[in-house]
N, C-alpha and C. Protein backbone atom coordinates (compact mmCIF):
# COMPACT_ATOMS: atom_id res chain seq x y z
N UNK A 1 -20.42 43.36 -140.41
CA UNK A 1 -19.51 44.05 -141.33
C UNK A 1 -18.34 44.56 -140.54
N UNK A 2 -17.11 44.26 -140.93
CA UNK A 2 -15.95 44.61 -140.23
C UNK A 2 -15.32 45.85 -140.87
N UNK A 3 -15.00 46.79 -140.04
CA UNK A 3 -14.44 47.99 -140.52
C UNK A 3 -12.97 47.73 -140.90
N UNK A 4 -12.60 48.15 -142.07
CA UNK A 4 -11.20 47.79 -142.58
C UNK A 4 -10.11 48.87 -142.25
N UNK A 5 -10.48 49.91 -141.80
CA UNK A 5 -9.55 50.92 -141.32
C UNK A 5 -9.42 50.93 -139.73
N UNK A 6 -8.32 50.60 -139.20
CA UNK A 6 -8.23 50.65 -137.81
C UNK A 6 -7.79 52.02 -137.33
N UNK A 7 -8.13 52.37 -136.08
CA UNK A 7 -7.88 53.71 -135.60
C UNK A 7 -6.98 53.73 -134.34
N UNK A 8 -6.67 52.45 -133.99
CA UNK A 8 -5.81 52.25 -132.74
C UNK A 8 -6.52 51.30 -131.81
N UNK A 9 -5.88 50.62 -130.91
CA UNK A 9 -6.56 49.58 -129.97
C UNK A 9 -7.60 50.21 -129.17
N UNK A 10 -7.28 51.20 -128.48
CA UNK A 10 -8.31 51.85 -127.63
C UNK A 10 -9.37 52.50 -128.35
N UNK A 11 -9.05 53.25 -129.50
CA UNK A 11 -10.07 53.87 -130.25
C UNK A 11 -11.12 52.79 -130.89
N UNK A 12 -10.50 51.79 -131.50
CA UNK A 12 -11.34 50.58 -131.95
C UNK A 12 -12.15 49.89 -130.90
N UNK A 13 -11.70 49.88 -129.71
CA UNK A 13 -12.53 49.33 -128.53
C UNK A 13 -13.61 50.29 -128.23
N UNK A 14 -13.38 51.63 -128.21
CA UNK A 14 -14.41 52.56 -127.97
C UNK A 14 -15.43 52.57 -128.97
N UNK A 15 -15.00 52.55 -130.28
CA UNK A 15 -15.99 52.41 -131.36
C UNK A 15 -16.88 51.22 -131.29
N UNK A 16 -16.15 50.08 -131.03
CA UNK A 16 -16.99 48.81 -131.02
C UNK A 16 -18.04 48.77 -129.89
N UNK A 17 -17.56 49.39 -128.66
CA UNK A 17 -18.43 49.35 -127.54
C UNK A 17 -19.59 50.37 -127.72
N UNK A 18 -19.33 51.44 -128.32
CA UNK A 18 -20.39 52.50 -128.72
C UNK A 18 -21.38 51.90 -129.64
N UNK A 19 -20.92 51.35 -130.62
CA UNK A 19 -21.92 50.63 -131.67
C UNK A 19 -22.80 49.64 -130.97
N UNK A 20 -22.15 48.72 -130.15
CA UNK A 20 -22.92 47.67 -129.51
C UNK A 20 -23.84 48.22 -128.46
N UNK A 21 -23.41 49.20 -127.73
CA UNK A 21 -24.31 49.78 -126.67
C UNK A 21 -25.46 50.42 -127.38
N UNK A 22 -25.21 51.17 -128.47
CA UNK A 22 -26.38 51.82 -129.34
C UNK A 22 -27.29 50.85 -129.79
N UNK A 23 -26.81 49.73 -130.42
CA UNK A 23 -27.62 48.65 -130.98
C UNK A 23 -28.42 48.01 -129.88
N UNK A 24 -27.87 47.70 -128.77
CA UNK A 24 -28.61 47.13 -127.59
C UNK A 24 -29.69 47.95 -127.24
N UNK A 25 -29.36 49.21 -126.91
CA UNK A 25 -30.35 50.27 -126.42
C UNK A 25 -31.56 50.36 -127.52
N UNK A 26 -31.19 50.50 -128.73
CA UNK A 26 -32.20 50.68 -129.74
C UNK A 26 -33.18 49.53 -129.75
N UNK A 27 -32.60 48.26 -129.81
CA UNK A 27 -33.39 47.10 -129.78
C UNK A 27 -34.33 47.01 -128.62
N UNK A 28 -33.75 47.14 -127.40
CA UNK A 28 -34.56 47.09 -126.29
C UNK A 28 -35.60 48.23 -126.13
N UNK A 29 -35.31 49.34 -126.53
CA UNK A 29 -36.25 50.56 -126.65
C UNK A 29 -37.35 50.24 -127.65
N UNK A 30 -37.15 49.63 -128.74
CA UNK A 30 -38.11 49.32 -129.69
C UNK A 30 -39.08 48.37 -129.09
N UNK A 31 -38.63 47.37 -128.43
CA UNK A 31 -39.51 46.38 -127.88
C UNK A 31 -40.36 46.94 -126.74
N UNK A 32 -39.71 47.75 -125.92
CA UNK A 32 -40.33 48.55 -124.81
C UNK A 32 -41.52 49.39 -125.33
N UNK A 33 -41.09 50.32 -126.32
CA UNK A 33 -42.14 51.18 -127.01
C UNK A 33 -43.31 50.32 -127.55
N UNK A 34 -43.02 49.20 -128.20
CA UNK A 34 -44.06 48.44 -128.84
C UNK A 34 -45.07 47.89 -127.72
N UNK A 35 -44.47 47.41 -126.49
CA UNK A 35 -45.32 46.83 -125.56
C UNK A 35 -46.20 47.94 -124.78
N UNK A 36 -45.51 49.12 -124.60
CA UNK A 36 -46.24 50.12 -123.96
C UNK A 36 -47.36 50.72 -124.90
N UNK A 37 -47.08 50.67 -126.16
CA UNK A 37 -48.15 51.20 -127.27
C UNK A 37 -49.37 50.34 -127.17
N UNK A 38 -49.04 49.06 -126.86
CA UNK A 38 -50.34 48.14 -126.87
C UNK A 38 -51.36 48.64 -125.89
N UNK A 39 -50.95 49.48 -124.90
CA UNK A 39 -51.81 49.89 -123.90
C UNK A 39 -52.42 51.20 -124.27
N UNK A 40 -52.05 51.80 -125.42
CA UNK A 40 -52.76 52.96 -125.84
C UNK A 40 -52.08 54.27 -125.38
N UNK A 41 -50.80 54.13 -124.85
CA UNK A 41 -50.06 55.35 -124.48
C UNK A 41 -48.65 55.42 -125.07
N UNK A 42 -48.14 56.56 -125.12
CA UNK A 42 -46.74 56.63 -125.74
C UNK A 42 -45.66 56.36 -124.60
N UNK A 43 -44.50 56.24 -125.05
CA UNK A 43 -43.39 56.20 -124.07
C UNK A 43 -43.15 57.40 -123.26
N UNK A 44 -43.36 58.53 -123.85
CA UNK A 44 -43.29 59.68 -123.01
C UNK A 44 -44.42 59.83 -122.00
N UNK A 45 -45.59 59.42 -122.38
CA UNK A 45 -46.68 59.43 -121.40
C UNK A 45 -46.37 58.55 -120.28
N UNK A 46 -45.92 57.32 -120.59
CA UNK A 46 -45.66 56.27 -119.67
C UNK A 46 -44.46 56.73 -118.71
N UNK A 47 -43.53 57.41 -119.37
CA UNK A 47 -42.36 57.90 -118.47
C UNK A 47 -42.79 58.90 -117.42
N UNK A 48 -43.65 59.87 -117.85
CA UNK A 48 -44.24 60.82 -116.90
C UNK A 48 -45.04 60.28 -115.79
N UNK A 49 -45.95 59.41 -116.31
CA UNK A 49 -46.83 58.76 -115.37
C UNK A 49 -46.09 57.98 -114.32
N UNK A 50 -45.06 57.24 -114.84
CA UNK A 50 -44.30 56.36 -113.87
C UNK A 50 -43.46 57.26 -112.96
N UNK A 51 -42.77 58.27 -113.40
CA UNK A 51 -42.02 59.24 -112.58
C UNK A 51 -42.87 59.84 -111.41
N UNK A 52 -44.17 60.17 -111.79
CA UNK A 52 -45.09 60.85 -110.79
C UNK A 52 -45.63 59.67 -109.82
N UNK A 53 -45.84 58.52 -110.32
CA UNK A 53 -46.35 57.44 -109.54
C UNK A 53 -45.21 57.00 -108.46
N UNK A 54 -44.11 57.06 -108.89
CA UNK A 54 -42.98 56.46 -107.94
C UNK A 54 -42.33 57.69 -107.10
N UNK A 55 -42.38 58.96 -107.66
CA UNK A 55 -41.66 60.06 -106.99
C UNK A 55 -42.62 61.08 -106.41
N UNK A 56 -43.92 61.07 -106.73
CA UNK A 56 -44.84 62.01 -106.16
C UNK A 56 -44.84 63.27 -107.20
N UNK A 57 -45.47 64.29 -106.46
CA UNK A 57 -45.79 65.51 -107.36
C UNK A 57 -44.30 66.07 -107.62
N UNK A 58 -44.19 66.57 -109.02
CA UNK A 58 -42.90 67.04 -109.52
C UNK A 58 -43.17 68.45 -110.25
N UNK A 59 -42.09 69.22 -110.42
CA UNK A 59 -42.15 70.40 -111.16
C UNK A 59 -42.06 69.93 -112.67
N UNK A 60 -42.52 70.74 -113.67
CA UNK A 60 -42.34 70.31 -115.09
C UNK A 60 -40.91 70.21 -115.42
N UNK A 61 -40.08 71.20 -114.93
CA UNK A 61 -38.66 71.00 -115.09
C UNK A 61 -37.95 69.76 -114.63
N UNK A 62 -38.46 69.31 -113.48
CA UNK A 62 -37.95 68.12 -112.95
C UNK A 62 -38.30 66.84 -113.85
N UNK A 63 -39.49 66.91 -114.31
CA UNK A 63 -39.90 65.83 -115.24
C UNK A 63 -39.15 65.82 -116.53
N UNK A 64 -38.87 66.98 -117.20
CA UNK A 64 -38.02 67.10 -118.29
C UNK A 64 -36.72 66.56 -118.06
N UNK A 65 -36.03 66.73 -116.96
CA UNK A 65 -34.82 66.28 -116.76
C UNK A 65 -34.78 64.72 -116.43
N UNK A 66 -35.89 64.25 -115.73
CA UNK A 66 -35.89 62.82 -115.34
C UNK A 66 -36.05 61.95 -116.65
N UNK A 67 -37.03 62.37 -117.57
CA UNK A 67 -37.19 61.51 -118.69
C UNK A 67 -36.38 61.85 -119.91
N UNK A 68 -35.41 62.72 -119.74
CA UNK A 68 -34.48 63.03 -120.79
C UNK A 68 -35.23 63.51 -122.05
N UNK A 69 -36.11 64.62 -121.88
CA UNK A 69 -36.86 65.04 -123.07
C UNK A 69 -36.62 66.60 -123.10
N UNK A 70 -37.30 67.18 -124.04
CA UNK A 70 -37.18 68.63 -124.25
C UNK A 70 -38.44 69.37 -123.74
N UNK A 71 -38.29 70.55 -123.26
CA UNK A 71 -39.39 71.31 -122.73
C UNK A 71 -40.64 71.45 -123.69
N UNK A 72 -40.42 71.57 -124.85
CA UNK A 72 -41.51 71.65 -125.85
C UNK A 72 -42.24 70.40 -126.01
N UNK A 73 -41.64 69.29 -125.91
CA UNK A 73 -42.22 67.90 -125.99
C UNK A 73 -43.05 67.60 -124.74
N UNK A 74 -42.39 67.89 -123.61
CA UNK A 74 -43.02 67.73 -122.39
C UNK A 74 -44.27 68.43 -122.13
N UNK A 75 -44.29 69.73 -122.64
CA UNK A 75 -45.62 70.51 -122.65
C UNK A 75 -46.72 69.78 -123.38
N UNK A 76 -46.43 69.35 -124.50
CA UNK A 76 -47.49 68.66 -125.27
C UNK A 76 -47.97 67.27 -124.57
N UNK A 77 -47.00 66.51 -124.05
CA UNK A 77 -47.39 65.31 -123.41
C UNK A 77 -48.23 65.60 -122.19
N UNK A 78 -47.78 66.51 -121.40
CA UNK A 78 -48.44 66.94 -120.23
C UNK A 78 -49.88 67.46 -120.50
N UNK A 79 -50.09 68.18 -121.58
CA UNK A 79 -51.40 68.60 -121.93
C UNK A 79 -52.29 67.45 -122.37
N UNK A 80 -51.75 66.55 -123.02
CA UNK A 80 -52.42 65.24 -123.41
C UNK A 80 -52.85 64.30 -122.25
N UNK A 81 -51.92 64.17 -121.35
CA UNK A 81 -52.15 63.55 -119.99
C UNK A 81 -53.14 64.12 -119.22
N UNK A 82 -53.15 65.45 -119.15
CA UNK A 82 -54.07 66.31 -118.36
C UNK A 82 -55.51 66.21 -119.06
N UNK A 83 -55.58 66.19 -120.33
CA UNK A 83 -56.78 66.13 -120.91
C UNK A 83 -57.53 64.72 -120.74
N UNK A 84 -56.73 63.70 -120.53
CA UNK A 84 -57.14 62.34 -120.36
C UNK A 84 -57.58 62.18 -118.73
N UNK A 85 -57.26 63.15 -118.01
CA UNK A 85 -57.61 63.05 -116.63
C UNK A 85 -56.52 62.30 -115.82
N UNK A 86 -55.41 61.95 -116.37
CA UNK A 86 -54.48 61.12 -115.65
C UNK A 86 -53.48 61.91 -114.75
N UNK A 87 -53.32 63.22 -115.01
CA UNK A 87 -52.49 64.14 -114.25
C UNK A 87 -53.27 65.43 -113.95
N UNK A 88 -52.77 66.23 -112.99
CA UNK A 88 -53.32 67.49 -112.63
C UNK A 88 -52.11 68.48 -112.64
N UNK A 89 -52.26 69.62 -113.28
CA UNK A 89 -51.25 70.62 -113.33
C UNK A 89 -51.68 71.93 -112.66
N UNK A 90 -50.96 72.50 -111.76
CA UNK A 90 -51.24 73.71 -111.05
C UNK A 90 -50.03 74.46 -110.76
N UNK A 91 -50.24 75.73 -110.48
CA UNK A 91 -49.02 76.67 -110.19
C UNK A 91 -48.42 76.34 -108.80
N UNK A 92 -47.19 76.52 -108.68
CA UNK A 92 -46.53 76.34 -107.40
C UNK A 92 -47.05 77.44 -106.44
N UNK A 93 -47.19 77.12 -105.24
CA UNK A 93 -47.61 78.17 -104.16
C UNK A 93 -46.63 79.19 -104.00
N UNK A 94 -45.36 78.94 -103.94
CA UNK A 94 -44.28 79.99 -103.68
C UNK A 94 -43.76 80.60 -104.84
N UNK A 95 -44.02 80.13 -106.09
CA UNK A 95 -43.45 80.70 -107.37
C UNK A 95 -44.45 80.37 -108.38
N UNK A 96 -45.38 81.32 -108.67
CA UNK A 96 -46.46 81.19 -109.73
C UNK A 96 -45.93 80.80 -111.08
N UNK A 97 -44.62 81.06 -111.42
CA UNK A 97 -44.13 80.80 -112.77
C UNK A 97 -43.83 79.28 -112.88
N UNK A 98 -43.69 78.66 -111.74
CA UNK A 98 -43.47 77.17 -111.86
C UNK A 98 -44.73 76.39 -111.74
N UNK A 99 -44.82 75.32 -112.64
CA UNK A 99 -45.96 74.53 -112.74
C UNK A 99 -45.66 73.18 -112.08
N UNK A 100 -46.53 72.79 -111.24
CA UNK A 100 -46.46 71.51 -110.54
C UNK A 100 -47.32 70.40 -111.22
N UNK A 101 -46.93 69.19 -111.22
CA UNK A 101 -47.67 68.12 -111.78
C UNK A 101 -47.79 66.96 -110.81
N UNK A 102 -49.08 66.60 -110.73
CA UNK A 102 -49.43 65.38 -109.85
C UNK A 102 -50.16 64.35 -110.49
N UNK A 103 -50.00 63.18 -110.17
CA UNK A 103 -50.84 62.04 -110.89
C UNK A 103 -52.15 61.97 -110.21
N UNK A 104 -53.16 61.70 -110.98
CA UNK A 104 -54.63 61.59 -110.34
C UNK A 104 -54.80 60.15 -110.01
N UNK A 105 -55.90 59.89 -109.52
CA UNK A 105 -56.21 58.49 -108.99
C UNK A 105 -56.39 57.58 -110.30
N UNK A 106 -57.05 58.17 -111.42
CA UNK A 106 -57.08 57.47 -112.64
C UNK A 106 -55.69 57.18 -113.34
N UNK A 107 -54.82 58.18 -113.14
CA UNK A 107 -53.42 57.90 -113.72
C UNK A 107 -52.63 56.87 -112.90
N UNK A 108 -52.84 56.98 -111.56
CA UNK A 108 -52.23 56.01 -110.70
C UNK A 108 -52.70 54.66 -110.99
N UNK A 109 -54.12 54.44 -111.09
CA UNK A 109 -54.59 53.12 -111.52
C UNK A 109 -54.07 52.63 -112.77
N UNK A 110 -53.95 53.54 -113.81
CA UNK A 110 -53.37 53.12 -115.15
C UNK A 110 -51.85 52.50 -114.98
N UNK A 111 -51.08 53.33 -114.30
CA UNK A 111 -49.69 52.93 -114.21
C UNK A 111 -49.50 51.75 -113.36
N UNK A 112 -50.40 51.65 -112.23
CA UNK A 112 -50.26 50.50 -111.39
C UNK A 112 -50.55 49.26 -112.15
N UNK A 113 -51.46 49.40 -113.11
CA UNK A 113 -51.79 48.17 -113.83
C UNK A 113 -50.67 47.76 -114.88
N UNK A 114 -50.03 48.84 -115.42
CA UNK A 114 -49.02 48.59 -116.50
C UNK A 114 -47.63 48.16 -116.04
N UNK A 115 -47.28 48.78 -114.85
CA UNK A 115 -45.91 48.69 -114.41
C UNK A 115 -45.45 47.18 -114.05
N UNK A 116 -46.15 46.41 -113.53
CA UNK A 116 -45.75 45.08 -113.27
C UNK A 116 -45.34 44.27 -114.45
N UNK A 117 -46.20 44.55 -115.53
CA UNK A 117 -45.87 43.84 -116.84
C UNK A 117 -44.71 44.49 -117.50
N UNK A 118 -44.46 45.79 -117.30
CA UNK A 118 -43.22 46.46 -117.73
C UNK A 118 -42.07 45.89 -117.15
N UNK A 119 -42.12 45.66 -115.81
CA UNK A 119 -41.04 44.94 -115.10
C UNK A 119 -40.71 43.69 -115.50
N UNK A 120 -41.84 42.86 -115.71
CA UNK A 120 -41.64 41.44 -116.13
C UNK A 120 -40.96 41.45 -117.52
N UNK A 121 -41.36 42.26 -118.43
CA UNK A 121 -40.78 42.34 -119.76
C UNK A 121 -39.31 42.63 -119.72
N UNK A 122 -38.91 43.64 -119.01
CA UNK A 122 -37.57 44.11 -118.91
C UNK A 122 -36.67 42.97 -118.33
N UNK A 123 -37.19 42.35 -117.28
CA UNK A 123 -36.55 41.28 -116.54
C UNK A 123 -36.38 40.13 -117.60
N UNK A 124 -37.33 39.81 -118.30
CA UNK A 124 -37.26 38.74 -119.36
C UNK A 124 -36.20 39.13 -120.44
N UNK A 125 -36.23 40.31 -120.98
CA UNK A 125 -35.33 40.70 -122.00
C UNK A 125 -33.89 40.71 -121.45
N UNK A 126 -33.65 41.38 -120.41
CA UNK A 126 -32.27 41.44 -119.94
C UNK A 126 -31.87 40.12 -119.40
N UNK A 127 -32.80 39.35 -118.71
CA UNK A 127 -32.47 38.11 -118.12
C UNK A 127 -32.07 37.09 -119.16
N UNK A 128 -32.62 37.20 -120.34
CA UNK A 128 -32.37 36.31 -121.47
C UNK A 128 -30.79 36.31 -121.91
N UNK A 129 -30.10 37.42 -121.54
CA UNK A 129 -28.80 37.55 -121.90
C UNK A 129 -27.78 37.65 -120.81
N UNK A 130 -28.32 38.18 -119.62
CA UNK A 130 -27.33 38.51 -118.44
C UNK A 130 -27.81 37.91 -117.15
N UNK A 131 -26.72 37.36 -116.37
CA UNK A 131 -27.08 36.92 -115.08
C UNK A 131 -27.09 38.08 -114.18
N UNK A 132 -27.53 37.94 -112.94
CA UNK A 132 -27.75 38.97 -111.96
C UNK A 132 -26.46 39.73 -111.74
N UNK A 133 -25.34 39.03 -111.59
CA UNK A 133 -24.09 39.59 -111.31
C UNK A 133 -23.60 40.45 -112.60
N UNK A 134 -23.87 39.93 -113.76
CA UNK A 134 -23.61 40.73 -114.96
C UNK A 134 -24.41 42.02 -115.00
N UNK A 135 -25.61 41.93 -114.65
CA UNK A 135 -26.56 43.12 -114.63
C UNK A 135 -26.00 44.17 -113.75
N UNK A 136 -25.55 43.75 -112.52
CA UNK A 136 -25.04 44.70 -111.55
C UNK A 136 -23.75 45.37 -112.06
N UNK A 137 -22.87 44.55 -112.75
CA UNK A 137 -21.64 45.06 -113.33
C UNK A 137 -22.02 45.97 -114.42
N UNK A 138 -22.93 45.61 -115.34
CA UNK A 138 -23.19 46.58 -116.41
C UNK A 138 -23.81 47.87 -115.79
N UNK A 139 -24.62 47.79 -114.84
CA UNK A 139 -25.27 48.97 -114.30
C UNK A 139 -24.11 49.79 -113.61
N UNK A 140 -23.34 49.25 -112.91
CA UNK A 140 -22.23 50.05 -112.33
C UNK A 140 -21.24 50.65 -113.38
N UNK A 141 -20.87 49.96 -114.52
CA UNK A 141 -20.22 50.52 -115.55
C UNK A 141 -20.82 51.61 -116.29
N UNK A 142 -22.14 51.44 -116.50
CA UNK A 142 -22.83 52.58 -117.25
C UNK A 142 -22.96 53.68 -116.38
N UNK A 143 -23.12 53.54 -115.11
CA UNK A 143 -23.21 54.83 -114.15
C UNK A 143 -21.84 55.43 -114.23
N UNK A 144 -20.79 54.70 -114.14
CA UNK A 144 -19.51 55.24 -114.16
C UNK A 144 -19.18 56.10 -115.48
N UNK A 145 -19.60 55.58 -116.60
CA UNK A 145 -19.53 56.14 -117.84
C UNK A 145 -20.41 57.58 -117.84
N UNK A 146 -21.63 57.48 -117.32
CA UNK A 146 -22.43 58.60 -117.25
C UNK A 146 -21.87 59.82 -116.38
N UNK A 147 -21.31 59.36 -115.24
CA UNK A 147 -20.74 60.41 -114.27
C UNK A 147 -19.39 60.98 -114.77
N UNK A 148 -18.76 60.21 -115.72
CA UNK A 148 -17.47 60.78 -116.22
C UNK A 148 -17.81 61.93 -117.26
N UNK A 149 -18.97 62.06 -117.69
CA UNK A 149 -19.27 62.92 -118.78
C UNK A 149 -19.58 64.41 -118.24
């Protein structure tokens, strides 16, 4: 559907880019969510396990920032992961108000078994549309957009 009211060359380019970026993200995220759900975990659970697996022990606040979630949602997801034995939560030694989160052996095993498939899926989805040079350009442009905000 073509918009009938123009807003100016730059504005129209911005609107078109924003819509295409949103559509692409939503489509990729839906595919990603569906494939992760096949393993019986949510995207938020996957994101926390992946962060802990690759970065090591983190503060709850760091996890909230890394996976772009809200503190209330993170609290629930962390409790669920802890109840499944995939993470361990404990107070920080230097500041008891801060809670630390580390991945357990069971959590590491789970994410280690899922992550290679995740990488293959992303590579297939992105690779179906973009060459490596285009991926590098897109990544650079998105980072530039992020840093400008």
